[in-house]
Amino acid sequence: MLFEGTNPNNPDLLEMADLPHPMLEKLIQLILLDNHLLITVKEGAERKSYPIYALHLYREKSLWHLEGFDLKKERRRVLPVDQFIDVKPYSTKSKVTKKKKISEKVSKQEEVINLVIEFGPKAIAQFKKYHPFNFSISYTNPYQATATLKAFINVNIPEELKDITNWLLFLGEDIKFKKVPKEVLEDLRGRLSLYHH
């Protein structure tokens, strides 16, 4: 059995490119002790520090991300671990930032759904191969042959718009849009026009 990062010619050898970011181990050790963290990241030429309550640590497209609740701005934030400069415990005077309260705040801030897609069986098979971390489908028949996805796309982030366009094309033809932001449709049309001369 081969896992991501395994050299097929020598399974005992780990590819250098697949070694985890040095901050990852420190981050995991700190999360095991307490979810309250002070994270310093490099954003362009600037260094920024965020007091974060860690919610999820996940790997997507070969990169590790930390989804957390920004304790100052009181909103969700996703930070790429490879931009971390430092991470340390963050002590809050009041531990009212308990998971339940934070979960309530996060759920209240759930973004407005602007993407609704119906899936046929072929699209469901594609979804199972790969989908963005925070996307989930609800099956709409007992045989799990049809499903619906409801999600929020932040169309103001060019990288997110590009990623969602790539993913929608990856799903194939077995999808029906019920609700879709015009920016996503424009991006899809622009991408498809590349194939017409």
N, C-alpha and C. Protein backbone atom coordinates (compact mmCIF):
# COMPACT_ATOMS: atom_id res chain seq x y z
N MET A 1 0.85 -1.18 0.00
CA MET A 1 0.00 0.00 0.00
C MET A 1 0.90 1.24 0.00
N LEU A 2 0.61 2.19 -0.89
CA LEU A 2 1.41 3.41 -0.95
C LEU A 2 0.57 4.59 -0.50
N PHE A 3 1.16 5.43 0.32
CA PHE A 3 0.48 6.64 0.78
C PHE A 3 1.13 7.84 0.13
N GLU A 4 0.43 8.99 0.21
CA GLU A 4 0.99 10.24 -0.31
C GLU A 4 2.34 10.46 0.36
N GLY A 5 3.35 10.80 -0.42
CA GLY A 5 4.68 11.04 0.16
C GLY A 5 5.55 9.80 0.15
N THR A 6 5.03 8.68 -0.37
CA THR A 6 5.84 7.46 -0.44
C THR A 6 6.53 7.41 -1.80
N ASN A 7 7.80 7.08 -1.79
CA ASN A 7 8.53 6.91 -3.04
C ASN A 7 8.22 5.50 -3.56
N PRO A 8 7.57 5.37 -4.74
CA PRO A 8 7.17 4.04 -5.20
C PRO A 8 8.35 3.10 -5.44
N ASN A 9 9.53 3.67 -5.76
CA ASN A 9 10.71 2.83 -6.02
C ASN A 9 11.38 2.37 -4.73
N ASN A 10 11.19 3.15 -3.66
CA ASN A 10 11.78 2.78 -2.37
C ASN A 10 10.83 3.26 -1.28
N PRO A 11 9.86 2.38 -0.89
CA PRO A 11 8.83 2.80 0.08
C PRO A 11 9.37 3.27 1.43
N ASP A 12 10.64 2.91 1.76
CA ASP A 12 11.20 3.35 3.04
C ASP A 12 11.71 4.79 2.98
N LEU A 13 11.78 5.32 1.76
CA LEU A 13 12.32 6.67 1.56
C LEU A 13 11.18 7.67 1.47
N LEU A 14 11.25 8.73 2.28
CA LEU A 14 10.22 9.77 2.24
C LEU A 14 10.68 10.86 1.29
N GLU A 15 9.79 11.26 0.39
CA GLU A 15 10.14 12.34 -0.54
C GLU A 15 10.41 13.62 0.26
N MET A 16 11.49 14.32 -0.08
CA MET A 16 11.82 15.55 0.65
C MET A 16 10.70 16.59 0.56
N ALA A 17 10.05 16.65 -0.60
CA ALA A 17 8.98 17.63 -0.80
C ALA A 17 7.78 17.34 0.09
N ASP A 18 7.69 16.11 0.58
CA ASP A 18 6.52 15.73 1.37
C ASP A 18 6.76 15.76 2.87
N LEU A 19 7.93 16.24 3.28
CA LEU A 19 8.18 16.37 4.72
C LEU A 19 7.25 17.46 5.26
N PRO A 20 6.66 17.26 6.43
CA PRO A 20 5.71 18.27 6.92
C PRO A 20 6.41 19.58 7.27
N HIS A 21 5.65 20.65 7.27
CA HIS A 21 6.16 21.96 7.65
C HIS A 21 6.65 21.87 9.10
N PRO A 22 7.83 22.45 9.41
CA PRO A 22 8.36 22.33 10.78
C PRO A 22 7.41 22.81 11.87
N MET A 23 6.52 23.75 11.54
CA MET A 23 5.57 24.27 12.54
C MET A 23 4.46 23.27 12.86
N LEU A 24 4.23 22.32 11.95
CA LEU A 24 3.09 21.42 12.11
C LEU A 24 3.17 20.61 13.40
N GLU A 25 4.34 20.05 13.68
CA GLU A 25 4.50 19.23 14.89
C GLU A 25 4.25 20.06 16.15
N LYS A 26 4.83 21.27 16.17
CA LYS A 26 4.65 22.16 17.32
C LYS A 26 3.17 22.51 17.49
N LEU A 27 2.51 22.80 16.37
CA LEU A 27 1.10 23.16 16.37
C LEU A 27 0.26 22.02 16.96
N ILE A 28 0.50 20.80 16.50
CA ILE A 28 -0.26 19.63 16.99
C ILE A 28 -0.04 19.45 18.49
N GLN A 29 1.21 19.58 18.92
CA GLN A 29 1.51 19.40 20.36
C GLN A 29 0.77 20.45 21.20
N LEU A 30 0.72 21.70 20.71
CA LEU A 30 0.04 22.76 21.46
C LEU A 30 -1.48 22.55 21.48
N ILE A 31 -2.05 22.13 20.35
CA ILE A 31 -3.50 21.90 20.28
C ILE A 31 -3.91 20.79 21.25
N LEU A 32 -3.03 19.78 21.41
CA LEU A 32 -3.34 18.69 22.34
C LEU A 32 -3.44 19.19 23.78
N LEU A 33 -2.71 20.28 24.08
CA LEU A 33 -2.74 20.84 25.44
C LEU A 33 -3.88 21.85 25.61
N ASP A 34 -4.06 22.72 24.61
CA ASP A 34 -5.09 23.76 24.70
C ASP A 34 -5.38 24.30 23.30
N ASN A 35 -6.65 24.61 23.05
CA ASN A 35 -7.04 25.11 21.72
C ASN A 35 -6.79 26.61 21.55
N HIS A 36 -6.45 27.31 22.64
CA HIS A 36 -6.19 28.75 22.56
C HIS A 36 -4.75 28.98 22.13
N LEU A 37 -4.58 29.60 20.95
CA LEU A 37 -3.24 29.78 20.40
C LEU A 37 -3.03 31.21 19.92
N LEU A 38 -1.77 31.65 19.97
CA LEU A 38 -1.40 32.92 19.34
C LEU A 38 -0.55 32.55 18.13
N ILE A 39 -1.06 32.84 16.96
CA ILE A 39 -0.38 32.42 15.73
C ILE A 39 0.15 33.64 14.99
N THR A 40 1.42 33.59 14.66
CA THR A 40 2.05 34.66 13.87
C THR A 40 2.29 34.12 12.47
N VAL A 41 1.78 34.87 11.49
CA VAL A 41 1.92 34.43 10.09
C VAL A 41 2.58 35.51 9.26
N LYS A 42 3.12 35.07 8.14
CA LYS A 42 3.72 36.01 7.18
C LYS A 42 2.69 36.24 6.09
N GLU A 43 2.23 37.48 5.97
CA GLU A 43 1.28 37.85 4.91
C GLU A 43 1.95 38.88 4.04
N GLY A 44 2.48 38.44 2.91
CA GLY A 44 3.27 39.33 2.05
C GLY A 44 4.55 39.70 2.78
N ALA A 45 4.80 40.99 2.93
CA ALA A 45 6.01 41.43 3.64
C ALA A 45 5.72 41.64 5.13
N GLU A 46 4.46 41.52 5.51
CA GLU A 46 4.06 41.79 6.91
C GLU A 46 3.99 40.53 7.76
N ARG A 47 4.17 40.76 9.08
CA ARG A 47 3.91 39.70 10.07
C ARG A 47 2.66 40.08 10.80
N LYS A 48 1.73 39.13 10.94
CA LYS A 48 0.50 39.42 11.68
C LYS A 48 0.28 38.32 12.70
N SER A 49 -0.22 38.72 13.88
CA SER A 49 -0.51 37.75 14.94
C SER A 49 -2.00 37.70 15.20
N TYR A 50 -2.50 36.48 15.36
CA TYR A 50 -3.92 36.28 15.61
C TYR A 50 -4.12 35.40 16.84
N PRO A 51 -4.95 35.86 17.80
CA PRO A 51 -5.35 34.95 18.88
C PRO A 51 -6.47 34.05 18.33
N ILE A 52 -6.23 32.77 18.32
CA ILE A 52 -7.13 31.82 17.64
C ILE A 52 -7.57 30.72 18.59
N TYR A 53 -8.84 30.34 18.47
CA TYR A 53 -9.31 29.11 19.12
C TYR A 53 -9.36 28.07 18.00
N ALA A 54 -8.49 27.05 18.07
CA ALA A 54 -8.38 26.07 16.99
C ALA A 54 -9.63 25.21 16.91
N LEU A 55 -10.19 25.11 15.69
CA LEU A 55 -11.39 24.29 15.46
C LEU A 55 -11.03 23.01 14.69
N HIS A 56 -10.34 23.16 13.55
CA HIS A 56 -9.96 22.00 12.74
C HIS A 56 -8.56 22.19 12.17
N LEU A 57 -7.82 21.10 12.12
CA LEU A 57 -6.54 21.07 11.41
C LEU A 57 -6.74 20.07 10.29
N TYR A 58 -6.55 20.49 9.05
CA TYR A 58 -6.82 19.57 7.95
C TYR A 58 -5.83 19.78 6.80
N ARG A 59 -5.75 18.77 5.94
CA ARG A 59 -4.85 18.80 4.80
C ARG A 59 -5.69 18.83 3.53
N GLU A 60 -5.41 19.80 2.66
CA GLU A 60 -6.14 19.92 1.40
C GLU A 60 -5.16 20.34 0.33
N LYS A 61 -5.20 19.65 -0.80
CA LYS A 61 -4.29 19.91 -1.93
C LYS A 61 -2.83 19.97 -1.46
N SER A 62 -2.44 18.96 -0.67
CA SER A 62 -1.07 18.79 -0.17
C SER A 62 -0.61 19.89 0.78
N LEU A 63 -1.53 20.72 1.28
CA LEU A 63 -1.16 21.76 2.23
C LEU A 63 -1.98 21.62 3.50
N TRP A 64 -1.35 21.92 4.64
CA TRP A 64 -2.05 21.89 5.92
C TRP A 64 -2.65 23.25 6.20
N HIS A 65 -3.88 23.25 6.73
CA HIS A 65 -4.59 24.48 7.08
C HIS A 65 -5.14 24.34 8.49
N LEU A 66 -5.19 25.47 9.18
CA LEU A 66 -5.82 25.50 10.50
C LEU A 66 -7.06 26.38 10.38
N GLU A 67 -8.22 25.80 10.68
CA GLU A 67 -9.44 26.59 10.74
C GLU A 67 -9.65 26.93 12.20
N GLY A 68 -9.80 28.21 12.47
CA GLY A 68 -9.94 28.63 13.85
C GLY A 68 -10.91 29.79 13.99
N PHE A 69 -11.19 30.13 15.23
CA PHE A 69 -12.07 31.26 15.53
C PHE A 69 -11.19 32.37 16.06
N ASP A 70 -11.15 33.50 15.34
CA ASP A 70 -10.35 34.66 15.74
C ASP A 70 -11.01 35.27 16.98
N LEU A 71 -10.29 35.21 18.11
CA LEU A 71 -10.87 35.64 19.39
C LEU A 71 -11.04 37.15 19.48
N LYS A 72 -10.26 37.91 18.68
CA LYS A 72 -10.41 39.38 18.70
C LYS A 72 -11.52 39.83 17.76
N LYS A 73 -11.45 39.36 16.52
CA LYS A 73 -12.44 39.80 15.51
C LYS A 73 -13.74 39.01 15.62
N GLU A 74 -13.72 37.93 16.42
CA GLU A 74 -14.89 37.07 16.60
C GLU A 74 -15.46 36.58 15.27
N ARG A 75 -14.58 36.00 14.47
CA ARG A 75 -15.02 35.39 13.22
C ARG A 75 -14.11 34.23 12.86
N ARG A 76 -14.61 33.39 11.96
CA ARG A 76 -13.82 32.25 11.52
C ARG A 76 -12.66 32.69 10.64
N ARG A 77 -11.56 31.97 10.73
CA ARG A 77 -10.39 32.29 9.92
C ARG A 77 -9.69 31.00 9.53
N VAL A 78 -9.25 30.88 8.29
CA VAL A 78 -8.49 29.71 7.85
C VAL A 78 -7.08 30.19 7.53
N LEU A 79 -6.09 29.56 8.18
CA LEU A 79 -4.70 29.98 8.01
C LEU A 79 -3.87 28.82 7.46
N PRO A 80 -3.10 29.05 6.36
CA PRO A 80 -2.23 27.99 5.84
C PRO A 80 -1.02 27.82 6.75
N VAL A 81 -0.77 26.59 7.19
CA VAL A 81 0.31 26.32 8.14
C VAL A 81 1.68 26.71 7.57
N ASP A 82 1.85 26.63 6.25
CA ASP A 82 3.16 26.97 5.70
C ASP A 82 3.47 28.46 5.77
N GLN A 83 2.49 29.29 6.20
CA GLN A 83 2.76 30.72 6.39
C GLN A 83 3.05 31.05 7.86
N PHE A 84 3.00 30.03 8.72
CA PHE A 84 3.24 30.26 10.15
C PHE A 84 4.70 30.59 10.41
N ILE A 85 4.93 31.64 11.20
CA ILE A 85 6.28 31.98 11.64
C ILE A 85 6.45 31.48 13.07
N ASP A 86 5.37 31.63 13.86
CA ASP A 86 5.44 31.20 15.25
C ASP A 86 4.05 30.81 15.74
N VAL A 87 4.02 29.90 16.70
CA VAL A 87 2.76 29.52 17.33
C VAL A 87 3.05 29.25 18.80
N LYS A 88 2.23 29.85 19.67
CA LYS A 88 2.42 29.62 21.10
C LYS A 88 1.08 29.63 21.81
N PRO A 89 1.04 29.13 23.05
CA PRO A 89 -0.23 29.13 23.79
C PRO A 89 -0.70 30.57 24.00
N TYR A 90 -2.00 30.76 23.98
CA TYR A 90 -2.58 32.09 24.20
C TYR A 90 -3.44 32.01 25.44
N SER A 91 -3.05 32.77 26.46
CA SER A 91 -3.84 32.71 27.69
C SER A 91 -4.85 33.84 27.69
N THR A 92 -6.10 33.46 27.88
CA THR A 92 -7.17 34.46 27.96
C THR A 92 -7.54 34.60 29.43
N LYS A 93 -7.88 35.82 29.81
CA LYS A 93 -8.24 36.05 31.22
C LYS A 93 -9.49 35.24 31.57
N SER A 94 -10.45 35.27 30.65
CA SER A 94 -11.66 34.49 30.92
C SER A 94 -11.69 33.32 29.96
N LYS A 95 -11.97 32.16 30.47
CA LYS A 95 -12.07 31.00 29.59
C LYS A 95 -13.51 30.83 29.13
N VAL A 96 -14.19 31.99 28.96
CA VAL A 96 -15.57 31.91 28.46
C VAL A 96 -15.58 31.48 27.00
N THR A 97 -14.40 31.48 26.40
CA THR A 97 -14.31 31.08 25.00
C THR A 97 -14.32 29.55 24.91
N LYS A 98 -15.25 28.98 25.61
CA LYS A 98 -15.38 27.52 25.59
C LYS A 98 -15.94 27.10 24.23
N LYS A 99 -15.64 25.86 23.88
CA LYS A 99 -16.01 25.36 22.56
C LYS A 99 -17.49 25.58 22.23
N LYS A 100 -18.37 25.35 23.20
CA LYS A 100 -19.81 25.47 22.93
C LYS A 100 -20.16 26.90 22.49
N LYS A 101 -19.62 27.90 23.25
CA LYS A 101 -19.92 29.30 22.92
C LYS A 101 -19.36 29.65 21.55
N ILE A 102 -18.15 29.19 21.29
CA ILE A 102 -17.52 29.49 20.00
C ILE A 102 -18.30 28.82 18.88
N SER A 103 -18.70 27.57 19.10
CA SER A 103 -19.48 26.85 18.08
C SER A 103 -20.77 27.60 17.76
N GLU A 104 -21.40 28.16 18.81
CA GLU A 104 -22.64 28.93 18.61
C GLU A 104 -22.36 30.16 17.74
N LYS A 105 -21.26 30.86 18.05
CA LYS A 105 -20.92 32.06 17.29
C LYS A 105 -20.59 31.71 15.84
N VAL A 106 -19.85 30.61 15.65
CA VAL A 106 -19.47 30.19 14.29
C VAL A 106 -20.71 29.84 13.50
N SER A 107 -21.63 29.08 14.11
CA SER A 107 -22.83 28.67 13.38
C SER A 107 -23.72 29.88 13.04
N LYS A 108 -23.72 30.89 13.92
CA LYS A 108 -24.50 32.10 13.62
C LYS A 108 -23.89 32.86 12.45
N GLN A 109 -22.57 32.70 12.30
CA GLN A 109 -21.88 33.42 11.23
C GLN A 109 -21.80 32.62 9.93
N GLU A 110 -22.41 31.43 9.92
CA GLU A 110 -22.36 30.62 8.69
C GLU A 110 -22.78 31.53 7.53
N GLU A 111 -21.95 31.52 6.50
CA GLU A 111 -22.20 32.43 5.39
C GLU A 111 -23.49 32.05 4.68
N VAL A 112 -24.05 33.02 3.99
CA VAL A 112 -25.28 32.80 3.23
C VAL A 112 -24.98 31.84 2.09
N ILE A 113 -25.81 30.83 1.94
CA ILE A 113 -25.60 29.84 0.87
C ILE A 113 -25.81 30.50 -0.48
N ASN A 114 -24.80 30.42 -1.36
CA ASN A 114 -24.95 31.01 -2.69
C ASN A 114 -24.66 30.00 -3.81
N LEU A 115 -24.47 28.74 -3.43
CA LEU A 115 -24.23 27.70 -4.43
C LEU A 115 -25.07 26.47 -4.05
N VAL A 116 -25.99 26.11 -4.92
CA VAL A 116 -26.81 24.91 -4.71
C VAL A 116 -26.72 24.08 -6.00
N ILE A 117 -26.27 22.83 -5.84
CA ILE A 117 -26.08 21.95 -7.00
C ILE A 117 -26.75 20.62 -6.74
N GLU A 118 -27.43 20.11 -7.77
CA GLU A 118 -27.97 18.74 -7.72
C GLU A 118 -27.00 17.81 -8.42
N PHE A 119 -26.72 16.67 -7.77
CA PHE A 119 -25.76 15.71 -8.29
C PHE A 119 -26.45 14.45 -8.79
N GLY A 120 -26.00 13.93 -9.93
CA GLY A 120 -26.39 12.60 -10.38
C GLY A 120 -25.31 11.62 -9.93
N PRO A 121 -25.49 10.30 -10.22
CA PRO A 121 -24.55 9.29 -9.73
C PRO A 121 -23.09 9.50 -10.16
N LYS A 122 -22.87 9.96 -11.41
CA LYS A 122 -21.48 10.16 -11.88
C LYS A 122 -20.81 11.30 -11.12
N ALA A 123 -21.58 12.37 -10.87
CA ALA A 123 -21.04 13.51 -10.13
C ALA A 123 -20.77 13.12 -8.67
N ILE A 124 -21.63 12.26 -8.10
CA ILE A 124 -21.42 11.78 -6.72
C ILE A 124 -20.10 11.01 -6.64
N ALA A 125 -19.85 10.17 -7.66
CA ALA A 125 -18.59 9.40 -7.70
C ALA A 125 -17.39 10.34 -7.75
N GLN A 126 -17.50 11.43 -8.53
CA GLN A 126 -16.42 12.41 -8.62
C GLN A 126 -16.25 13.14 -7.29
N PHE A 127 -17.38 13.50 -6.66
CA PHE A 127 -17.36 14.18 -5.37
C PHE A 127 -16.60 13.34 -4.34
N LYS A 128 -16.84 12.01 -4.37
CA LYS A 128 -16.18 11.12 -3.41
C LYS A 128 -14.68 11.05 -3.65
N LYS A 129 -14.25 11.24 -4.90
CA LYS A 129 -12.81 11.23 -5.21
C LYS A 129 -12.13 12.45 -4.61
N TYR A 130 -12.78 13.61 -4.77
CA TYR A 130 -12.20 14.84 -4.19
C TYR A 130 -13.28 15.90 -4.04
N HIS A 131 -13.26 16.57 -2.91
CA HIS A 131 -14.12 17.74 -2.71
C HIS A 131 -13.45 18.65 -1.67
N PRO A 132 -13.74 19.95 -1.74
CA PRO A 132 -13.19 20.87 -0.74
C PRO A 132 -13.56 20.41 0.67
N PHE A 133 -12.67 20.64 1.61
CA PHE A 133 -12.80 20.15 2.99
C PHE A 133 -14.16 20.46 3.63
N ASN A 134 -14.66 21.67 3.42
CA ASN A 134 -15.87 22.09 4.13
C ASN A 134 -17.16 21.83 3.35
N PHE A 135 -17.09 21.08 2.24
CA PHE A 135 -18.28 20.77 1.45
C PHE A 135 -18.82 19.39 1.81
N SER A 136 -20.12 19.28 1.95
CA SER A 136 -20.73 17.96 2.13
C SER A 136 -22.02 17.90 1.33
N ILE A 137 -22.39 16.67 0.91
CA ILE A 137 -23.61 16.52 0.12
C ILE A 137 -24.67 15.81 0.96
N SER A 138 -25.93 16.08 0.64
CA SER A 138 -27.05 15.39 1.28
C SER A 138 -27.70 14.52 0.21
N TYR A 139 -27.81 13.23 0.49
CA TYR A 139 -28.44 12.33 -0.48
C TYR A 139 -29.94 12.59 -0.52
N THR A 140 -30.50 12.55 -1.75
CA THR A 140 -31.91 12.89 -1.91
C THR A 140 -32.76 11.68 -2.32
N ASN A 141 -32.15 10.49 -2.35
CA ASN A 141 -32.97 9.28 -2.53
C ASN A 141 -32.34 8.13 -1.76
N PRO A 142 -33.10 7.10 -1.43
CA PRO A 142 -32.58 6.03 -0.56
C PRO A 142 -31.41 5.25 -1.16
N TYR A 143 -31.27 5.28 -2.48
CA TYR A 143 -30.19 4.52 -3.12
C TYR A 143 -28.91 5.34 -3.28
N GLN A 144 -28.91 6.54 -2.73
CA GLN A 144 -27.76 7.45 -2.81
C GLN A 144 -27.31 7.69 -4.26
N ALA A 145 -28.30 7.76 -5.16
CA ALA A 145 -27.99 7.99 -6.58
C ALA A 145 -28.11 9.46 -6.95
N THR A 146 -28.77 10.24 -6.08
CA THR A 146 -28.85 11.69 -6.30
C THR A 146 -28.54 12.40 -4.98
N ALA A 147 -28.04 13.61 -5.11
CA ALA A 147 -27.66 14.36 -3.90
C ALA A 147 -27.72 15.85 -4.18
N THR A 148 -27.68 16.63 -3.11
CA THR A 148 -27.66 18.09 -3.22
C THR A 148 -26.51 18.64 -2.40
N LEU A 149 -25.87 19.66 -2.95
CA LEU A 149 -24.81 20.38 -2.22
C LEU A 149 -25.29 21.80 -2.01
N LYS A 150 -25.15 22.28 -0.78
CA LYS A 150 -25.44 23.69 -0.47
C LYS A 150 -24.17 24.26 0.15
N ALA A 151 -23.66 25.34 -0.40
CA ALA A 151 -22.38 25.88 0.09
C ALA A 151 -22.29 27.38 -0.12
N PHE A 152 -21.25 27.95 0.47
CA PHE A 152 -20.97 29.37 0.28
C PHE A 152 -19.63 29.51 -0.44
N ILE A 153 -19.60 30.31 -1.49
CA ILE A 153 -18.37 30.59 -2.22
C ILE A 153 -18.07 32.07 -2.01
N ASN A 154 -16.86 32.38 -1.55
CA ASN A 154 -16.47 33.79 -1.43
C ASN A 154 -15.90 34.23 -2.78
N VAL A 155 -16.75 34.87 -3.57
CA VAL A 155 -16.36 35.24 -4.94
C VAL A 155 -15.37 36.40 -4.96
N ASN A 156 -15.13 37.02 -3.81
CA ASN A 156 -14.17 38.14 -3.75
C ASN A 156 -12.74 37.68 -3.57
N ILE A 157 -12.54 36.37 -3.39
CA ILE A 157 -11.18 35.83 -3.27
C ILE A 157 -10.86 35.12 -4.59
N PRO A 158 -10.01 35.73 -5.45
CA PRO A 158 -9.73 35.16 -6.78
C PRO A 158 -9.29 33.70 -6.73
N GLU A 159 -8.45 33.35 -5.74
CA GLU A 159 -7.95 31.98 -5.62
C GLU A 159 -9.10 31.00 -5.38
N GLU A 160 -10.05 31.39 -4.53
CA GLU A 160 -11.20 30.53 -4.22
C GLU A 160 -12.09 30.37 -5.44
N LEU A 161 -12.26 31.45 -6.20
CA LEU A 161 -13.07 31.42 -7.41
C LEU A 161 -12.45 30.48 -8.44
N LYS A 162 -11.14 30.58 -8.60
CA LYS A 162 -10.42 29.72 -9.56
C LYS A 162 -10.52 28.25 -9.13
N ASP A 163 -10.35 27.99 -7.83
CA ASP A 163 -10.41 26.61 -7.31
C ASP A 163 -11.80 26.00 -7.52
N ILE A 164 -12.85 26.80 -7.27
CA ILE A 164 -14.20 26.25 -7.39
C ILE A 164 -14.52 25.98 -8.85
N THR A 165 -14.04 26.83 -9.76
CA THR A 165 -14.25 26.60 -11.20
C THR A 165 -13.58 25.29 -11.62
N ASN A 166 -12.33 25.10 -11.18
CA ASN A 166 -11.62 23.85 -11.50
C ASN A 166 -12.40 22.64 -10.99
N TRP A 167 -12.92 22.76 -9.75
CA TRP A 167 -13.61 21.63 -9.13
C TRP A 167 -14.93 21.34 -9.83
N LEU A 168 -15.67 22.39 -10.22
CA LEU A 168 -16.94 22.18 -10.92
C LEU A 168 -16.71 21.49 -12.27
N LEU A 169 -15.64 21.85 -12.95
CA LEU A 169 -15.31 21.18 -14.22
C LEU A 169 -14.93 19.72 -13.97
N PHE A 170 -14.26 19.47 -12.86
CA PHE A 170 -13.85 18.12 -12.47
C PHE A 170 -15.08 17.23 -12.19
N LEU A 171 -16.16 17.83 -11.68
CA LEU A 171 -17.37 17.05 -11.37
C LEU A 171 -18.01 16.45 -12.62
N GLY A 172 -17.80 17.09 -13.77
CA GLY A 172 -18.35 16.56 -15.02
C GLY A 172 -19.75 17.10 -15.31
N GLU A 173 -20.46 16.38 -16.22
CA GLU A 173 -21.74 16.90 -16.75
C GLU A 173 -22.95 16.49 -15.92
N ASP A 174 -22.76 15.62 -14.93
CA ASP A 174 -23.90 15.06 -14.21
C ASP A 174 -24.33 15.95 -13.03
N ILE A 175 -24.30 17.28 -13.26
CA ILE A 175 -24.72 18.23 -12.21
C ILE A 175 -25.72 19.23 -12.79
N LYS A 176 -26.57 19.74 -11.91
CA LYS A 176 -27.52 20.79 -12.31
C LYS A 176 -27.38 21.92 -11.31
N PHE A 177 -27.17 23.13 -11.82
CA PHE A 177 -27.09 24.29 -10.94
C PHE A 177 -28.50 24.75 -10.58
N LYS A 178 -28.76 24.90 -9.28
CA LYS A 178 -30.02 25.46 -8.81
C LYS A 178 -29.81 26.91 -8.38
N LYS A 179 -28.60 27.17 -7.88
CA LYS A 179 -28.24 28.53 -7.47
C LYS A 179 -26.74 28.64 -7.64
N VAL A 180 -26.29 29.70 -8.31
CA VAL A 180 -24.85 29.84 -8.54
C VAL A 180 -24.50 31.33 -8.69
N PRO A 181 -23.41 31.79 -8.05
CA PRO A 181 -23.04 33.21 -8.21
C PRO A 181 -22.66 33.52 -9.65
N LYS A 182 -23.03 34.70 -10.13
CA LYS A 182 -22.74 35.07 -11.52
C LYS A 182 -21.24 35.05 -11.81
N GLU A 183 -20.43 35.37 -10.78
CA GLU A 183 -18.97 35.37 -10.97
C GLU A 183 -18.45 33.96 -11.31
N VAL A 184 -19.08 32.94 -10.68
CA VAL A 184 -18.67 31.55 -10.95
C VAL A 184 -19.06 31.18 -12.38
N LEU A 185 -20.28 31.56 -12.80
CA LEU A 185 -20.72 31.28 -14.17
C LEU A 185 -19.82 31.97 -15.19
N GLU A 186 -19.46 33.23 -14.91
CA GLU A 186 -18.58 33.98 -15.83
C GLU A 186 -17.22 33.29 -15.93
N ASP A 187 -16.70 32.82 -14.79
CA ASP A 187 -15.41 32.15 -14.78
C ASP A 187 -15.48 30.83 -15.56
N LEU A 188 -16.59 30.11 -15.39
CA LEU A 188 -16.78 28.85 -16.13
C LEU A 188 -16.84 29.11 -17.64
N ARG A 189 -17.63 30.15 -18.02
CA ARG A 189 -17.74 30.49 -19.45
C ARG A 189 -16.38 30.88 -20.02
N GLY A 190 -15.64 31.68 -19.24
CA GLY A 190 -14.30 32.10 -19.67
C GLY A 190 -13.38 30.91 -19.86
N ARG A 191 -13.47 29.96 -18.96
CA ARG A 191 -12.62 28.76 -19.04
C ARG A 191 -13.00 27.92 -20.26
N LEU A 192 -14.30 27.76 -20.49
CA LEU A 192 -14.75 26.95 -21.62
C LEU A 192 -14.42 27.61 -22.97
N SER A 193 -14.40 28.95 -22.98
CA SER A 193 -14.10 29.66 -24.23
C SER A 193 -12.65 29.42 -24.67
N LEU A 194 -11.80 28.98 -23.74
CA LEU A 194 -10.41 28.67 -24.10
C LEU A 194 -10.32 27.52 -25.10
N TYR A 195 -11.39 26.66 -25.07
CA TYR A 195 -11.37 25.48 -25.94
C TYR A 195 -12.00 25.75 -27.30
N HIS A 196 -12.58 26.95 -27.49
CA HIS A 196 -13.19 27.30 -28.79
C HIS A 196 -12.31 28.33 -29.47
N HIS A 197 -11.98 28.05 -30.71
CA HIS A 197 -11.15 29.02 -31.46
C HIS A 197 -11.96 29.66 -32.55
